[in-house]
Amino acid sequence: MIKLNPKKSLLIVLSLLLITLVLYFPKIYLINNIYYVSKDINKMYSHYISLKEENKFLAQQLEDMKFKNQIEDSLIIYSIEGNYGTKSN
């Protein structure tokens, strides 16, 4: 049987603490790393969603401008043709 004195007890406790830290440090590191990567992914995903919505909004504005430009062009062409048509008669 081992006789424990304060020095041996302290040595055993410190060695167990060291072994525990060596075994659990990689796990703790990986969990923290996964947490921060997940946090970054969520931040980027929310930014992606907002950019996607902004893209839809801008595409709709572009479509409205194209439609408005097409209408104005047809009205200008119609008025030009109308002016030439009345002068030639």
Protein backbone atom coordinates (compact mmCIF):
# COMPACT_ATOMS: atom_id res chain seq x y z
CA MET A 1 0.00 0.00 0.00
CA ILE A 2 1.17 3.56 -0.74
CA LYS A 3 1.67 5.87 2.15
CA LEU A 4 0.62 9.38 1.32
CA ASN A 5 2.34 12.35 2.68
CA PRO A 6 1.47 15.95 1.73
CA LYS A 7 4.17 16.10 -0.95
CA LYS A 8 3.03 12.91 -2.69
CA SER A 9 -0.61 13.95 -2.45
CA LEU A 10 0.13 17.29 -4.06
CA LEU A 11 2.15 15.59 -6.78
CA ILE A 12 -0.68 13.16 -7.52
CA VAL A 13 -3.27 15.95 -7.65
CA LEU A 14 -1.12 18.10 -9.93
CA SER A 15 -0.37 15.19 -12.23
CA LEU A 16 -4.08 14.34 -12.46
CA LEU A 17 -4.83 17.99 -13.21
CA LEU A 18 -2.19 18.06 -15.91
CA ILE A 19 -3.49 14.85 -17.49
CA THR A 20 -7.04 16.19 -17.38
CA LEU A 21 -5.98 19.44 -19.03
CA VAL A 22 -4.03 17.62 -21.71
CA LEU A 23 -7.00 15.40 -22.48
CA TYR A 24 -9.68 18.10 -22.43
CA PHE A 25 -7.80 21.02 -23.95
CA PRO A 26 -8.33 19.86 -27.57
CA LYS A 27 -12.03 19.36 -26.91
CA ILE A 28 -12.39 22.80 -25.35
CA TYR A 29 -10.41 24.37 -28.19
CA LEU A 30 -12.54 22.67 -30.84
CA ILE A 31 -15.81 23.60 -29.15
CA ASN A 32 -14.75 27.25 -28.93
CA ASN A 33 -13.54 27.23 -32.50
CA ILE A 34 -16.80 25.69 -33.74
CA TYR A 35 -18.75 28.31 -31.79
CA TYR A 36 -16.89 31.24 -33.35
CA VAL A 37 -17.03 29.78 -36.85
CA SER A 38 -20.76 29.19 -36.43
CA LYS A 39 -21.18 32.76 -35.24
CA ASP A 40 -19.33 34.02 -38.35
CA ILE A 41 -21.44 31.80 -40.60
CA ASN A 42 -24.66 33.16 -39.09
CA LYS A 43 -23.43 36.72 -39.53
CA MET A 44 -22.51 36.08 -43.18
CA TYR A 45 -25.79 34.29 -43.83
CA SER A 46 -27.82 37.21 -42.48
CA HIS A 47 -25.73 39.56 -44.64
CA TYR A 48 -26.36 37.26 -47.63
CA ILE A 49 -30.12 37.30 -46.99
CA SER A 50 -30.18 41.10 -46.78
CA LEU A 51 -28.15 41.40 -49.99
CA LYS A 52 -30.48 38.95 -51.71
CA GLU A 53 -33.49 41.07 -50.71
CA GLU A 54 -31.72 44.23 -51.85
CA ASN A 55 -30.97 42.55 -55.17
CA LYS A 56 -34.67 41.72 -55.62
CA PHE A 57 -35.58 45.31 -54.81
CA LEU A 58 -33.01 46.70 -57.26
CA ALA A 59 -34.10 44.27 -59.98
CA GLN A 60 -37.68 45.43 -59.51
CA GLN A 61 -36.59 49.07 -59.72
CA LEU A 62 -34.63 48.32 -62.88
CA GLU A 63 -37.65 46.60 -64.41
CA ASP A 64 -39.84 49.59 -63.53
CA MET A 65 -37.32 52.00 -65.08
CA LYS A 66 -37.11 49.91 -68.26
CA PHE A 67 -40.89 49.86 -68.51
CA LYS A 68 -41.11 53.62 -67.89
CA ASN A 69 -38.38 54.29 -70.46
CA GLN A 70 -40.14 52.07 -73.01
CA ILE A 71 -43.42 53.94 -72.49
CA GLU A 72 -41.74 57.35 -72.74
CA ASP A 73 -39.88 56.31 -75.90
CA SER A 74 -43.08 55.12 -77.52
CA LEU A 75 -44.84 58.37 -76.56
CA ILE A 76 -41.98 60.47 -77.97
CA ILE A 77 -41.93 58.46 -81.19
CA TYR A 78 -45.71 58.72 -81.45
CA SER A 79 -45.61 62.51 -80.93
CA ILE A 80 -42.79 62.91 -83.48
CA GLU A 81 -44.70 60.83 -86.04
CA GLY A 82 -47.83 62.80 -85.25
CA ASN A 83 -46.07 66.14 -85.81
CA TYR A 84 -44.61 65.04 -89.14
CA GLY A 85 -47.91 63.55 -90.21
CA THR A 86 -49.86 66.81 -89.66
CA LYS A 87 -47.26 69.01 -91.38
CA SER A 88 -47.13 66.91 -94.55
CA ASN A 89 -50.95 67.01 -95.09
